[in-house]
Amino acid sequence: MDSIIELLLSQLGTGGTNQISEKLGIDEGKAQQVIGMALPMLIGALNRNTSSSKSGAEALTNAIQRDHDGSILDNISQAITKRKTVEDGSAILGHVFGDNSSGVVDSVSRATNIDSAQVAQIFAMLAPLVLGALGKIQRNKNLDAEGVSSLLQEERKTVEKTSSGLTQLLDMDGDGDVSDEIISLGSNLLGGLFGGKK
């Protein structure tokens, strides 16, 4: 399985989504909506960071080789309840989104009508999982920095094929609102990817 998001979905399942909703005290459908928007936004940001410069790709590859071997995926339900996961995720978001972190969170908060602090926690829970999945694939395929960059580009294309309207979501820099169409696409992403598996 070469898709980061599909690998995550196979590990996360409905149990993980339910656990996130229970931990944060929000409706499971709302949690799924945020997850469906957060995953492609994280992929899009990682893709931008690695495709814009060789040093960006090398820095990410070094980080996943050092800190993200994929073992976090062995027990996602346990991982997302740990404070360390959220703390690590918050730090990752700072690196991935830079100064746009709060803008991204606020945009998803407005779009889903979920408190921005809860949205930020979901992003923070998911960020280490995304890097864990990326690290696992990197190890399995023995990818160098160029290979990691190519993988993220392919991942973006996969998401776009599943829901073509997500291009706007992938490119969002946190400066504008998310349209109703994108909210709908985000909420349907998980089912769309499961249904679109090869």
Protein backbone atom coordinates (compact mmCIF):
# COMPACT_ATOMS: atom_id res chain seq x y z
CA MET A 1 0.00 0.00 0.00
CA ASP A 2 1.74 3.17 -1.21
CA SER A 3 -0.90 5.77 -0.31
CA ILE A 4 -0.28 7.63 2.94
CA ILE A 5 -3.95 8.44 3.47
CA GLU A 6 -5.15 4.93 2.62
CA LEU A 7 -2.56 3.48 5.02
CA LEU A 8 -3.83 5.81 7.72
CA LEU A 9 -7.47 4.99 7.02
CA SER A 10 -6.80 1.27 7.22
CA GLN A 11 -5.22 1.78 10.64
CA LEU A 12 -7.51 4.54 11.93
CA GLY A 13 -10.80 2.93 11.00
CA THR A 14 -14.07 3.93 12.62
CA GLY A 15 -12.73 3.11 16.10
CA GLY A 16 -10.01 5.76 15.91
CA THR A 17 -12.41 8.38 14.60
CA ASN A 18 -14.86 7.54 17.38
CA GLN A 19 -12.11 7.83 19.97
CA ILE A 20 -11.12 11.26 18.69
CA SER A 21 -14.74 12.43 18.88
CA GLU A 22 -15.17 11.05 22.40
CA LYS A 23 -11.90 12.52 23.65
CA LEU A 24 -12.83 15.97 22.39
CA GLY A 25 -16.54 15.70 23.16
CA ILE A 26 -17.73 16.38 19.62
CA ASP A 27 -20.07 14.59 17.24
CA GLU A 28 -18.39 11.74 15.36
CA GLY A 29 -19.65 13.05 12.03
CA LYS A 30 -18.08 16.42 12.80
CA ALA A 31 -14.81 14.73 13.79
CA GLN A 32 -14.81 12.84 10.50
CA GLN A 33 -15.44 16.11 8.66
CA VAL A 34 -12.37 17.71 10.26
CA ILE A 35 -10.26 14.60 9.62
CA GLY A 36 -11.39 14.59 6.00
CA MET A 37 -10.19 18.17 5.60
CA ALA A 38 -7.07 17.93 7.77
CA LEU A 39 -5.44 14.93 6.06
CA PRO A 40 -5.29 16.45 2.54
CA MET A 41 -4.24 19.82 3.98
CA LEU A 42 -1.33 18.15 5.79
CA ILE A 43 -0.38 16.26 2.63
CA GLY A 44 -0.65 19.43 0.56
CA ALA A 45 1.57 21.38 2.96
CA LEU A 46 4.19 18.61 3.09
CA ASN A 47 4.14 18.42 -0.70
CA ARG A 48 4.67 22.17 -1.00
CA ASN A 49 7.54 22.08 1.48
CA THR A 50 9.35 19.24 -0.28
CA SER A 51 8.68 20.29 -3.87
CA SER A 52 9.71 23.91 -3.38
CA SER A 53 13.29 23.11 -2.44
CA LYS A 54 15.72 20.20 -2.25
CA SER A 55 16.63 21.19 1.30
CA GLY A 56 12.99 20.93 2.32
CA ALA A 57 12.77 17.38 1.03
CA GLU A 58 16.04 16.46 2.72
CA ALA A 59 14.97 17.99 6.05
CA LEU A 60 11.69 16.05 6.02
CA THR A 61 13.41 12.79 5.05
CA ASN A 62 15.95 13.22 7.85
CA ALA A 63 13.13 13.93 10.32
CA ILE A 64 11.12 10.83 9.44
CA GLN A 65 14.23 8.65 9.43
CA ARG A 66 15.13 9.94 12.87
CA ASP A 67 11.76 10.21 14.62
CA HIS A 68 8.99 8.55 12.60
CA ASP A 69 9.50 4.85 11.90
CA GLY A 70 5.80 4.07 11.57
CA SER A 71 5.49 2.29 14.92
CA ILE A 72 2.89 4.87 16.00
CA LEU A 73 0.50 3.14 13.57
CA ASP A 74 0.70 -0.13 15.52
CA ASN A 75 -1.78 1.18 18.07
CA ILE A 76 -3.38 4.39 16.80
CA SER A 77 -6.20 4.31 19.36
CA GLN A 78 -3.64 4.42 22.16
CA ALA A 79 -1.38 6.93 20.43
CA ILE A 80 -4.04 9.58 19.90
CA THR A 81 -4.90 9.61 23.61
CA LYS A 82 -1.33 10.40 24.69
CA ARG A 83 -0.38 13.95 25.57
CA LYS A 84 3.02 13.44 23.92
CA THR A 85 1.34 12.70 20.58
CA VAL A 86 -0.54 16.01 20.70
CA GLU A 87 2.57 17.90 21.86
CA ASP A 88 4.66 16.37 19.06
CA GLY A 89 1.85 17.09 16.61
CA SER A 90 1.67 20.74 17.61
CA ALA A 91 5.40 21.09 16.95
CA ILE A 92 5.03 19.34 13.59
CA LEU A 93 2.23 21.71 12.57
CA GLY A 94 4.52 24.65 13.26
CA HIS A 95 7.09 23.21 10.87
CA VAL A 96 4.57 22.13 8.23
CA PHE A 97 2.32 25.21 8.09
CA GLY A 98 4.71 27.81 9.52
CA ASP A 99 3.05 31.16 10.18
CA ASN A 100 -0.17 29.90 8.57
CA SER A 101 -0.93 27.34 11.31
CA SER A 102 -3.52 29.44 13.12
CA GLY A 103 -5.08 30.56 9.85
CA VAL A 104 -5.51 26.98 8.67
CA VAL A 105 -7.06 25.94 11.98
CA ASP A 106 -9.36 28.97 12.09
CA SER A 107 -10.56 28.34 8.53
CA VAL A 108 -11.48 24.72 9.30
CA SER A 109 -13.07 25.85 12.57
CA ARG A 110 -15.30 28.34 10.74
CA ALA A 111 -16.13 25.80 8.05
CA THR A 112 -17.15 23.03 10.44
CA ASN A 113 -18.48 25.18 13.30
CA ILE A 114 -16.14 23.39 15.71
CA ASP A 115 -14.12 25.30 18.29
CA SER A 116 -10.68 26.18 16.96
CA ALA A 117 -8.97 24.64 20.00
CA GLN A 118 -10.65 21.30 19.22
CA VAL A 119 -9.75 21.56 15.54
CA ALA A 120 -6.14 22.28 16.52
CA GLN A 121 -6.12 19.16 18.70
CA ILE A 122 -7.37 17.00 15.83
CA PHE A 123 -4.66 18.40 13.55
CA ALA A 124 -2.10 17.75 16.29
CA MET A 125 -3.32 14.16 16.72
CA LEU A 126 -3.15 13.51 12.98
CA ALA A 127 0.22 15.13 12.18
CA PRO A 128 2.38 12.44 13.87
CA LEU A 129 0.23 9.75 12.22
CA VAL A 130 0.82 11.28 8.79
CA LEU A 131 4.58 11.40 9.35
CA GLY A 132 4.46 7.88 10.78
CA ALA A 133 2.74 6.59 7.65
CA LEU A 134 5.20 8.50 5.47
CA GLY A 135 8.11 7.10 7.47
CA LYS A 136 6.79 3.55 7.18
CA ILE A 137 6.47 3.80 3.40
CA GLN A 138 9.89 5.48 3.18
CA ARG A 139 11.50 2.57 5.01
CA ASN A 140 9.63 -0.13 3.13
CA LYS A 141 10.59 1.36 -0.24
CA ASN A 142 14.00 2.69 0.88
CA LEU A 143 13.23 6.16 -0.50
CA ASP A 144 15.73 8.99 -0.58
CA ALA A 145 14.73 12.67 -0.31
CA GLU A 146 13.77 12.80 -3.99
CA GLY A 147 11.70 9.65 -3.58
CA VAL A 148 9.87 11.10 -0.58
CA SER A 149 9.09 14.25 -2.55
CA SER A 150 7.79 12.17 -5.47
CA LEU A 151 5.66 10.09 -3.10
CA LEU A 152 4.00 13.23 -1.71
CA GLN A 153 3.35 14.53 -5.22
CA GLU A 154 1.70 11.24 -6.15
CA GLU A 155 -0.31 11.32 -2.92
CA ARG A 156 -1.64 14.74 -3.82
CA LYS A 157 -2.65 13.46 -7.25
CA THR A 158 -4.43 10.49 -5.66
CA VAL A 159 -6.46 12.77 -3.41
CA GLU A 160 -7.32 15.05 -6.35
CA LYS A 161 -8.53 12.08 -8.39
CA THR A 162 -10.76 10.96 -5.53
CA SER A 163 -12.29 14.42 -5.09
CA SER A 164 -11.18 16.81 -7.80
CA GLY A 165 -12.54 19.83 -5.94
CA LEU A 166 -10.02 19.27 -3.16
CA THR A 167 -7.38 21.10 -5.20
CA GLN A 168 -8.52 24.31 -3.52
CA LEU A 169 -8.26 22.66 -0.11
CA LEU A 170 -4.77 21.34 -0.83
CA ASP A 171 -3.59 24.79 -1.86
CA MET A 172 -5.27 26.69 0.97
CA ASP A 173 -2.84 28.87 2.88
CA GLY A 174 -5.16 29.85 5.68
CA ASP A 175 -5.93 33.32 4.37
CA GLY A 176 -9.47 32.67 3.17
CA ASP A 177 -12.65 30.87 4.03
CA VAL A 178 -13.35 27.35 2.89
CA SER A 179 -16.29 27.12 0.50
CA ASP A 180 -19.36 24.99 1.17
CA GLU A 181 -18.33 22.71 -1.69
CA ILE A 182 -14.98 22.04 -0.07
CA ILE A 183 -16.61 21.37 3.31
CA SER A 184 -18.79 18.75 1.65
CA LEU A 185 -15.82 17.19 -0.12
CA GLY A 186 -13.86 17.10 3.11
CA SER A 187 -16.65 15.39 5.00
CA ASN A 188 -16.95 12.77 2.25
CA LEU A 189 -13.21 12.19 1.75
CA LEU A 190 -12.90 9.14 3.99
CA GLY A 191 -15.75 7.28 2.29
CA GLY A 192 -14.54 8.42 -1.11
CA LEU A 193 -11.08 7.03 -0.59
CA PHE A 194 -12.37 3.74 0.75
CA GLY A 195 -14.72 3.48 -2.22
CA GLY A 196 -11.98 4.48 -4.67
CA LYS A 197 -9.41 1.91 -3.65
CA LYS A 198 -7.87 -0.08 -6.42
